[in-house]
Amino acid sequence: MKIKGATYEEIAAGGGGILNSAKKLQTLSEDELFERSLKRVQEIIRSGTGAVEIKSGYGLTVKKKKKKKKKKKKKKKKKINR
């Protein structure tokens, strides 16, 4: 929606935005979050993208931020297949 010119308020009113994303992330298990992220990273690599930004603030709680940091470390340890 943002790319089409919608304001952040319009996006939120339509059920999107950061708070919606945060709610969805909070329902995922650590393993499910990792697997979904891994698929996206593999797709990014195949498309030739050279950098990825990871947003840690979406957790909105200390517990959720720790979960995301742990997932990030796990990704670094696991070999990402192209």
PDB file of N, CA and C in Angstrom:
ATOM      1  N   MET A   1       0.804  -1.192   0.000  1.00  0.00           N
ATOM      2  CA  MET A   1       0.000   0.000   0.000  1.00  0.00           C
ATOM      3  C   MET A   1       0.854   1.266   0.000  1.00  0.00           C
ATOM      4  N   LYS A   2       1.960   1.247   0.766  1.00  0.00           N
ATOM      5  CA  LYS A   2       2.807   2.431   0.868  1.00  0.00           C
ATOM      6  C   LYS A   2       3.393   2.798  -0.492  1.00  0.00           C
ATOM      7  N   ILE A   3       3.780   1.797  -1.244  1.00  0.00           N
ATOM      8  CA  ILE A   3       4.379   2.058  -2.550  1.00  0.00           C
ATOM      9  C   ILE A   3       3.360   2.705  -3.506  1.00  0.00           C
ATOM     10  N   LYS A   4       2.075   2.501  -3.223  1.00  0.00           N
ATOM     11  CA  LYS A   4       1.018   3.097  -4.040  1.00  0.00           C
ATOM     12  C   LYS A   4       0.582   4.455  -3.509  1.00  0.00           C
ATOM     13  N   GLY A   5       1.279   4.960  -2.473  1.00  0.00           N
ATOM     14  CA  GLY A   5       1.013   6.308  -1.977  1.00  0.00           C
ATOM     15  C   GLY A   5       0.142   6.406  -0.743  1.00  0.00           C
ATOM     16  N   ALA A   6      -0.238   5.272  -0.158  1.00  0.00           N
ATOM     17  CA  ALA A   6      -1.079   5.307   1.042  1.00  0.00           C
ATOM     18  C   ALA A   6      -0.292   5.864   2.222  1.00  0.00           C
ATOM     19  N   THR A   7      -0.996   6.556   3.118  1.00  0.00           N
ATOM     20  CA  THR A   7      -0.355   7.051   4.337  1.00  0.00           C
ATOM     21  C   THR A   7      -0.259   5.898   5.338  1.00  0.00           C
ATOM     22  N   TYR A   8       0.555   6.082   6.375  1.00  0.00           N
ATOM     23  CA  TYR A   8       0.665   5.050   7.402  1.00  0.00           C
ATOM     24  C   TYR A   8      -0.682   4.844   8.102  1.00  0.00           C
ATOM     25  N   GLU A   9      -1.433   5.912   8.265  1.00  0.00           N
ATOM     26  CA  GLU A   9      -2.755   5.813   8.890  1.00  0.00           C
ATOM     27  C   GLU A   9      -3.697   4.970   8.021  1.00  0.00           C
ATOM     28  N   GLU A  10      -3.653   5.171   6.718  1.00  0.00           N
ATOM     29  CA  GLU A  10      -4.493   4.391   5.806  1.00  0.00           C
ATOM     30  C   GLU A  10      -4.092   2.918   5.817  1.00  0.00           C
ATOM     31  N   ILE A  11      -2.813   2.672   5.882  1.00  0.00           N
ATOM     32  CA  ILE A  11      -2.325   1.290   5.935  1.00  0.00           C
ATOM     33  C   ILE A  11      -2.818   0.613   7.213  1.00  0.00           C
ATOM     34  N   ALA A  12      -2.699   1.306   8.345  1.00  0.00           N
ATOM     35  CA  ALA A  12      -3.155   0.751   9.629  1.00  0.00           C
ATOM     36  C   ALA A  12      -4.663   0.528   9.607  1.00  0.00           C
ATOM     37  N   ALA A  13      -5.405   1.469   9.053  1.00  0.00           N
ATOM     38  CA  ALA A  13      -6.863   1.334   8.977  1.00  0.00           C
ATOM     39  C   ALA A  13      -7.268   0.148   8.106  1.00  0.00           C
ATOM     40  N   GLY A  14      -6.425  -0.187   7.142  1.00  0.00           N
ATOM     41  CA  GLY A  14      -6.684  -1.328   6.267  1.00  0.00           C
ATOM     42  C   GLY A  14      -6.196  -2.651   6.834  1.00  0.00           C
ATOM     43  N   GLY A  15      -5.703  -2.623   8.070  1.00  0.00           N
ATOM     44  CA  GLY A  15      -5.264  -3.854   8.721  1.00  0.00           C
ATOM     45  C   GLY A  15      -3.795  -4.178   8.524  1.00  0.00           C
ATOM     46  N   GLY A  16      -3.033  -3.251   7.958  1.00  0.00           N
ATOM     47  CA  GLY A  16      -1.605  -3.498   7.728  1.00  0.00           C
ATOM     48  C   GLY A  16      -0.744  -2.685   8.672  1.00  0.00           C
ATOM     49  N   GLY A  17       0.511  -2.596   8.346  1.00  0.00           N
ATOM     50  CA  GLY A  17       1.438  -1.787   9.132  1.00  0.00           C
ATOM     51  C   GLY A  17       2.231  -2.575  10.144  1.00  0.00           C
ATOM     52  N   ILE A  18       3.085  -1.852  10.851  1.00  0.00           N
ATOM     53  CA  ILE A  18       4.033  -2.476  11.773  1.00  0.00           C
ATOM     54  C   ILE A  18       3.341  -3.194  12.928  1.00  0.00           C
ATOM     55  N   LEU A  19       2.264  -2.631  13.461  1.00  0.00           N
ATOM     56  CA  LEU A  19       1.584  -3.296  14.575  1.00  0.00           C
ATOM     57  C   LEU A  19       0.956  -4.613  14.125  1.00  0.00           C
ATOM     58  N   ASN A  20       0.407  -4.629  12.929  1.00  0.00           N
ATOM     59  CA  ASN A  20      -0.141  -5.867  12.372  1.00  0.00           C
ATOM     60  C   ASN A  20       0.975  -6.894  12.175  1.00  0.00           C
ATOM     61  N   SER A  21       2.099  -6.439  11.627  1.00  0.00           N
ATOM     62  CA  SER A  21       3.241  -7.348  11.428  1.00  0.00           C
ATOM     63  C   SER A  21       3.734  -7.898  12.756  1.00  0.00           C
ATOM     64  N   ALA A  22       3.815  -7.032  13.767  1.00  0.00           N
ATOM     65  CA  ALA A  22       4.296  -7.462  15.082  1.00  0.00           C
ATOM     66  C   ALA A  22       3.376  -8.518  15.687  1.00  0.00           C
ATOM     67  N   LYS A  23       2.067  -8.307  15.567  1.00  0.00           N
ATOM     68  CA  LYS A  23       1.108  -9.286  16.100  1.00  0.00           C
ATOM     69  C   LYS A  23       1.291 -10.641  15.424  1.00  0.00           C
ATOM     70  N   LYS A  24       1.459 -10.631  14.114  1.00  0.00           N
ATOM     71  CA  LYS A  24       1.650 -11.889  13.381  1.00  0.00           C
ATOM     72  C   LYS A  24       2.945 -12.573  13.798  1.00  0.00           C
ATOM     73  N   LEU A  25       4.027 -11.805  13.955  1.00  0.00           N
ATOM     74  CA  LEU A  25       5.314 -12.383  14.348  1.00  0.00           C
ATOM     75  C   LEU A  25       5.245 -13.016  15.729  1.00  0.00           C
ATOM     76  N   GLN A  26       4.474 -12.408  16.622  1.00  0.00           N
ATOM     77  CA  GLN A  26       4.386 -12.907  17.988  1.00  0.00           C
ATOM     78  C   GLN A  26       3.681 -14.245  18.078  1.00  0.00           C
ATOM     79  N   THR A  27       2.928 -14.619  17.056  1.00  0.00           N
ATOM     80  CA  THR A  27       2.221 -15.900  17.088  1.00  0.00           C
ATOM     81  C   THR A  27       3.074 -17.052  16.562  1.00  0.00           C
ATOM     82  N   LEU A  28       4.195 -16.735  15.925  1.00  0.00           N
ATOM     83  CA  LEU A  28       5.037 -17.772  15.325  1.00  0.00           C
ATOM     84  C   LEU A  28       5.997 -18.370  16.345  1.00  0.00           C
ATOM     85  N   SER A  29       6.245 -19.651  16.212  1.00  0.00           N
ATOM     86  CA  SER A  29       7.276 -20.280  17.041  1.00  0.00           C
ATOM     87  C   SER A  29       8.639 -19.841  16.509  1.00  0.00           C
ATOM     88  N   GLU A  30       9.653 -20.028  17.313  1.00  0.00           N
ATOM     89  CA  GLU A  30      11.009 -19.673  16.894  1.00  0.00           C
ATOM     90  C   GLU A  30      11.413 -20.460  15.642  1.00  0.00           C
ATOM     91  N   ASP A  31      11.095 -21.743  15.614  1.00  0.00           N
ATOM     92  CA  ASP A  31      11.450 -22.576  14.456  1.00  0.00           C
ATOM     93  C   ASP A  31      10.711 -22.136  13.198  1.00  0.00           C
ATOM     94  N   GLU A  32       9.422 -21.817  13.343  1.00  0.00           N
ATOM     95  CA  GLU A  32       8.636 -21.378  12.186  1.00  0.00           C
ATOM     96  C   GLU A  32       9.166 -20.036  11.654  1.00  0.00           C
ATOM     97  N   LEU A  33       9.493 -19.145  12.556  1.00  0.00           N
ATOM     98  CA  LEU A  33      10.057 -17.846  12.168  1.00  0.00           C
ATOM     99  C   LEU A  33      11.387 -18.038  11.435  1.00  0.00           C
ATOM    100  N   PHE A  34      12.213 -18.943  11.955  1.00  0.00           N
ATOM    101  CA  PHE A  34      13.493 -19.227  11.318  1.00  0.00           C
ATOM    102  C   PHE A  34      13.300 -19.792   9.912  1.00  0.00           C
ATOM    103  N   GLU A  35      12.427 -20.778   9.785  1.00  0.00           N
ATOM    104  CA  GLU A  35      12.215 -21.424   8.482  1.00  0.00           C
ATOM    105  C   GLU A  35      11.653 -20.453   7.455  1.00  0.00           C
ATOM    106  N   ARG A  36      10.714 -19.624   7.866  1.00  0.00           N
ATOM    107  CA  ARG A  36      10.159 -18.615   6.946  1.00  0.00           C
ATOM    108  C   ARG A  36      11.233 -17.623   6.524  1.00  0.00           C
ATOM    109  N   SER A  37      12.041 -17.205   7.485  1.00  0.00           N
ATOM    110  CA  SER A  37      13.111 -16.251   7.182  1.00  0.00           C
ATOM    111  C   SER A  37      14.148 -16.871   6.255  1.00  0.00           C
ATOM    112  N   LEU A  38      14.489 -18.119   6.502  1.00  0.00           N
ATOM    113  CA  LEU A  38      15.480 -18.806   5.686  1.00  0.00           C
ATOM    114  C   LEU A  38      15.030 -18.872   4.231  1.00  0.00           C
ATOM    115  N   LYS A  39      13.760 -19.191   4.008  1.00  0.00           N
ATOM    116  CA  LYS A  39      13.229 -19.233   2.639  1.00  0.00           C
ATOM    117  C   LYS A  39      13.364 -17.878   1.963  1.00  0.00           C
ATOM    118  N   ARG A  40      13.076 -16.818   2.696  1.00  0.00           N
ATOM    119  CA  ARG A  40      13.175 -15.475   2.119  1.00  0.00           C
ATOM    120  C   ARG A  40      14.624 -15.107   1.812  1.00  0.00           C
ATOM    121  N   VAL A  41      15.527 -15.470   2.721  1.00  0.00           N
ATOM    122  CA  VAL A  41      16.947 -15.178   2.497  1.00  0.00           C
ATOM    123  C   VAL A  41      17.451 -15.922   1.262  1.00  0.00           C
ATOM    124  N   GLN A  42      17.057 -17.173   1.115  1.00  0.00           N
ATOM    125  CA  GLN A  42      17.472 -17.942  -0.057  1.00  0.00           C
ATOM    126  C   GLN A  42      16.951 -17.306  -1.341  1.00  0.00           C
ATOM    127  N   GLU A  43      15.720 -16.821  -1.321  1.00  0.00           N
ATOM    128  CA  GLU A  43      15.145 -16.148  -2.484  1.00  0.00           C
ATOM    129  C   GLU A  43      15.898 -14.852  -2.793  1.00  0.00           C
ATOM    130  N   ILE A  44      16.253 -14.126  -1.759  1.00  0.00           N
ATOM    131  CA  ILE A  44      17.005 -12.882  -1.923  1.00  0.00           C
ATOM    132  C   ILE A  44      18.363 -13.159  -2.561  1.00  0.00           C
ATOM    133  N   ILE A  45      19.029 -14.199  -2.095  1.00  0.00           N
ATOM    134  CA  ILE A  45      20.337 -14.573  -2.639  1.00  0.00           C
ATOM    135  C   ILE A  45      20.212 -14.943  -4.112  1.00  0.00           C
ATOM    136  N   ARG A  46      19.191 -15.745  -4.445  1.00  0.00           N
ATOM    137  CA  ARG A  46      18.982 -16.137  -5.845  1.00  0.00           C
ATOM    138  C   ARG A  46      18.725 -14.936  -6.755  1.00  0.00           C
ATOM    139  N   SER A  47      18.088 -13.902  -6.223  1.00  0.00           N
ATOM    140  CA  SER A  47      17.776 -12.737  -7.047  1.00  0.00           C
ATOM    141  C   SER A  47      18.967 -11.792  -7.192  1.00  0.00           C
ATOM    142  N   GLY A  48      20.047 -12.062  -6.443  1.00  0.00           N
ATOM    143  CA  GLY A  48      21.255 -11.258  -6.580  1.00  0.00           C
ATOM    144  C   GLY A  48      21.353 -10.059  -5.651  1.00  0.00           C
ATOM    145  N   THR A  49      20.462  -9.975  -4.690  1.00  0.00           N
ATOM    146  CA  THR A  49      20.508  -8.869  -3.734  1.00  0.00           C
ATOM    147  C   THR A  49      21.752  -9.009  -2.856  1.00  0.00           C
ATOM    148  N   GLY A  50      22.424  -7.895  -2.607  1.00  0.00           N
ATOM    149  CA  GLY A  50      23.676  -7.945  -1.865  1.00  0.00           C
ATOM    150  C   GLY A  50      23.579  -7.639  -0.392  1.00  0.00           C
ATOM    151  N   ALA A  51      22.427  -7.164   0.093  1.00  0.00           N
ATOM    152  CA  ALA A  51      22.309  -6.805   1.506  1.00  0.00           C
ATOM    153  C   ALA A  51      20.887  -7.080   1.998  1.00  0.00           C
ATOM    154  N   VAL A  52      20.783  -7.379   3.290  1.00  0.00           N
ATOM    155  CA  VAL A  52      19.494  -7.632   3.914  1.00  0.00           C
ATOM    156  C   VAL A  52      19.458  -6.881   5.231  1.00  0.00           C
ATOM    157  N   GLU A  53      18.354  -6.224   5.505  1.00  0.00           N
ATOM    158  CA  GLU A  53      18.185  -5.516   6.770  1.00  0.00           C
ATOM    159  C   GLU A  53      17.206  -6.303   7.630  1.00  0.00           C
ATOM    160  N   ILE A  54      17.585  -6.539   8.872  1.00  0.00           N
ATOM    161  CA  ILE A  54      16.715  -7.265   9.798  1.00  0.00           C
ATOM    162  C   ILE A  54      16.195  -6.275  10.829  1.00  0.00           C
ATOM    163  N   LYS A  55      14.894  -6.203  10.929  1.00  0.00           N
ATOM    164  CA  LYS A  55      14.249  -5.297  11.883  1.00  0.00           C
ATOM    165  C   LYS A  55      14.045  -6.033  13.195  1.00  0.00           C
ATOM    166  N   SER A  56      14.691  -5.582  14.240  1.00  0.00           N
ATOM    167  CA  SER A  56      14.532  -6.256  15.530  1.00  0.00           C
ATOM    168  C   SER A  56      13.446  -5.616  16.380  1.00  0.00           C
ATOM    169  N   GLY A  57      12.994  -4.445  16.046  1.00  0.00           N
ATOM    170  CA  GLY A  57      12.009  -3.745  16.857  1.00  0.00           C
ATOM    171  C   GLY A  57      10.604  -4.289  16.743  1.00  0.00           C
ATOM    172  N   TYR A  58      10.334  -5.153  15.782  1.00  0.00           N
ATOM    173  CA  TYR A  58       8.977  -5.644  15.597  1.00  0.00           C
ATOM    174  C   TYR A  58       8.508  -6.533  16.740  1.00  0.00           C
ATOM    175  N   GLY A  59       9.435  -7.044  17.514  1.00  0.00           N
ATOM    176  CA  GLY A  59       9.043  -7.880  18.645  1.00  0.00           C
ATOM    177  C   GLY A  59       8.268  -7.103  19.691  1.00  0.00           C
ATOM    178  N   LEU A  60       8.622  -5.865  19.889  1.00  0.00           N
ATOM    179  CA  LEU A  60       7.971  -4.947  20.810  1.00  0.00           C
ATOM    180  C   LEU A  60       8.024  -5.352  22.277  1.00  0.00           C
ATOM    181  N   THR A  61       8.649  -6.467  22.589  1.00  0.00           N
ATOM    182  CA  THR A  61       8.883  -6.867  23.977  1.00  0.00           C
ATOM    183  C   THR A  61      10.308  -7.400  24.067  1.00  0.00           C
ATOM    184  N   VAL A  62      10.863  -7.364  25.270  1.00  0.00           N
ATOM    185  CA  VAL A  62      12.228  -7.868  25.453  1.00  0.00           C
ATOM    186  C   VAL A  62      12.294  -9.351  25.081  1.00  0.00           C
ATOM    187  N   LYS A  63      11.291 -10.119  25.510  1.00  0.00           N
ATOM    188  CA  LYS A  63      11.264 -11.555  25.215  1.00  0.00           C
ATOM    189  C   LYS A  63      11.277 -11.799  23.705  1.00  0.00           C
ATOM    190  N   LYS A  64      10.493 -11.036  22.978  1.00  0.00           N
ATOM    191  CA  LYS A  64      10.418 -11.218  21.529  1.00  0.00           C
ATOM    192  C   LYS A  64      11.705 -10.755  20.847  1.00  0.00           C
ATOM    193  N   LYS A  65      12.325  -9.706  21.360  1.00  0.00           N
ATOM    194  CA  LYS A  65      13.588  -9.245  20.777  1.00  0.00           C
ATOM    195  C   LYS A  65      14.682 -10.295  20.978  1.00  0.00           C
ATOM    196  N   LYS A  66      14.695 -10.920  22.142  1.00  0.00           N
ATOM    197  CA  LYS A  66      15.671 -11.985  22.395  1.00  0.00           C
ATOM    198  C   LYS A  66      15.440 -13.150  21.442  1.00  0.00           C
ATOM    199  N   LYS A  67      14.174 -13.474  21.167  1.00  0.00           N
ATOM    200  CA  LYS A  67      13.826 -14.549  20.241  1.00  0.00           C
ATOM    201  C   LYS A  67      14.386 -14.244  18.854  1.00  0.00           C
ATOM    202  N   LYS A  68      14.234 -13.009  18.412  1.00  0.00           N
ATOM    203  CA  LYS A  68      14.727 -12.631  17.094  1.00  0.00           C
ATOM    204  C   LYS A  68      16.258 -12.673  17.039  1.00  0.00           C
ATOM    205  N   LYS A  69      16.928 -12.222  18.114  1.00  0.00           N
ATOM    206  CA  LYS A  69      18.392 -12.269  18.143  1.00  0.00           C
ATOM    207  C   LYS A  69      18.882 -13.708  18.074  1.00  0.00           C
ATOM    208  N   LYS A  70      18.213 -14.599  18.792  1.00  0.00           N
ATOM    209  CA  LYS A  70      18.587 -16.009  18.800  1.00  0.00           C
ATOM    210  C   LYS A  70      18.424 -16.599  17.401  1.00  0.00           C
ATOM    211  N   LYS A  71      17.341 -16.240  16.723  1.00  0.00           N
ATOM    212  CA  LYS A  71      17.088 -16.718  15.360  1.00  0.00           C
ATOM    213  C   LYS A  71      18.171 -16.213  14.417  1.00  0.00           C
ATOM    214  N   LYS A  72      18.572 -14.964  14.591  1.00  0.00           N
ATOM    215  CA  LYS A  72      19.611 -14.382  13.743  1.00  0.00           C
ATOM    216  C   LYS A  72      20.926 -15.140  13.912  1.00  0.00           C
ATOM    217  N   LYS A  73      21.289 -15.455  15.151  1.00  0.00           N
ATOM    218  CA  LYS A  73      22.508 -16.218  15.413  1.00  0.00           C
ATOM    219  C   LYS A  73      22.420 -17.613  14.795  1.00  0.00           C
ATOM    220  N   LYS A  74      21.234 -18.218  14.884  1.00  0.00           N
ATOM    221  CA  LYS A  74      21.023 -19.555  14.329  1.00  0.00           C
ATOM    222  C   LYS A  74      21.233 -19.540  12.817  1.00  0.00           C
ATOM    223  N   LYS A  75      20.749 -18.475  12.165  1.00  0.00           N
ATOM    224  CA  LYS A  75      20.925 -18.352  10.717  1.00  0.00           C
ATOM    225  C   LYS A  75      22.399 -18.283  10.351  1.00  0.00           C
ATOM    226  N   LYS A  76      23.175 -17.553  11.137  1.00  0.00           N
ATOM    227  CA  LYS A  76      24.604 -17.412  10.841  1.00  0.00           C
ATOM    228  C   LYS A  76      25.312 -18.760  10.944  1.00  0.00           C
ATOM    229  N   LYS A  77      24.851 -19.595  11.862  1.00  0.00           N
ATOM    230  CA  LYS A  77      25.492 -20.895  12.058  1.00  0.00           C
ATOM    231  C   LYS A  77      25.107 -21.901  10.982  1.00  0.00           C
ATOM    232  N   LYS A  78      23.895 -21.776  10.465  1.00  0.00           N
ATOM    233  CA  LYS A  78      23.418 -22.742   9.478  1.00  0.00           C
ATOM    234  C   LYS A  78      23.812 -22.262   8.090  1.00  0.00           C
ATOM    235  N   LYS A  79      24.302 -23.171   7.307  1.00  0.00           N
ATOM    236  CA  LYS A  79      24.692 -22.832   5.937  1.00  0.00           C
ATOM    237  C   LYS A  79      23.440 -22.547   5.126  1.00  0.00           C
ATOM    238  N   ILE A  80      23.427 -21.423   4.446  1.00  0.00           N
ATOM    239  CA  ILE A  80      22.294 -21.045   3.625  1.00  0.00           C
ATOM    240  C   ILE A  80      22.538 -21.551   2.224  1.00  0.00           C
ATOM    241  N   ASN A  81      21.698 -22.473   1.791  1.00  0.00           N
ATOM    242  CA  ASN A  81      21.830 -23.064   0.465  1.00  0.00           C
ATOM    243  C   ASN A  81      21.197 -22.151  -0.581  1.00  0.00           C
ATOM    244  N   ARG A  82      21.836 -22.067  -1.706  1.00  0.00           N
ATOM    245  CA  ARG A  82      21.297 -21.237  -2.793  1.00  0.00           C
ATOM    246  C   ARG A  82      20.347 -22.046  -3.557  1.00  0.00           C
TER     247      ARG A  82
END
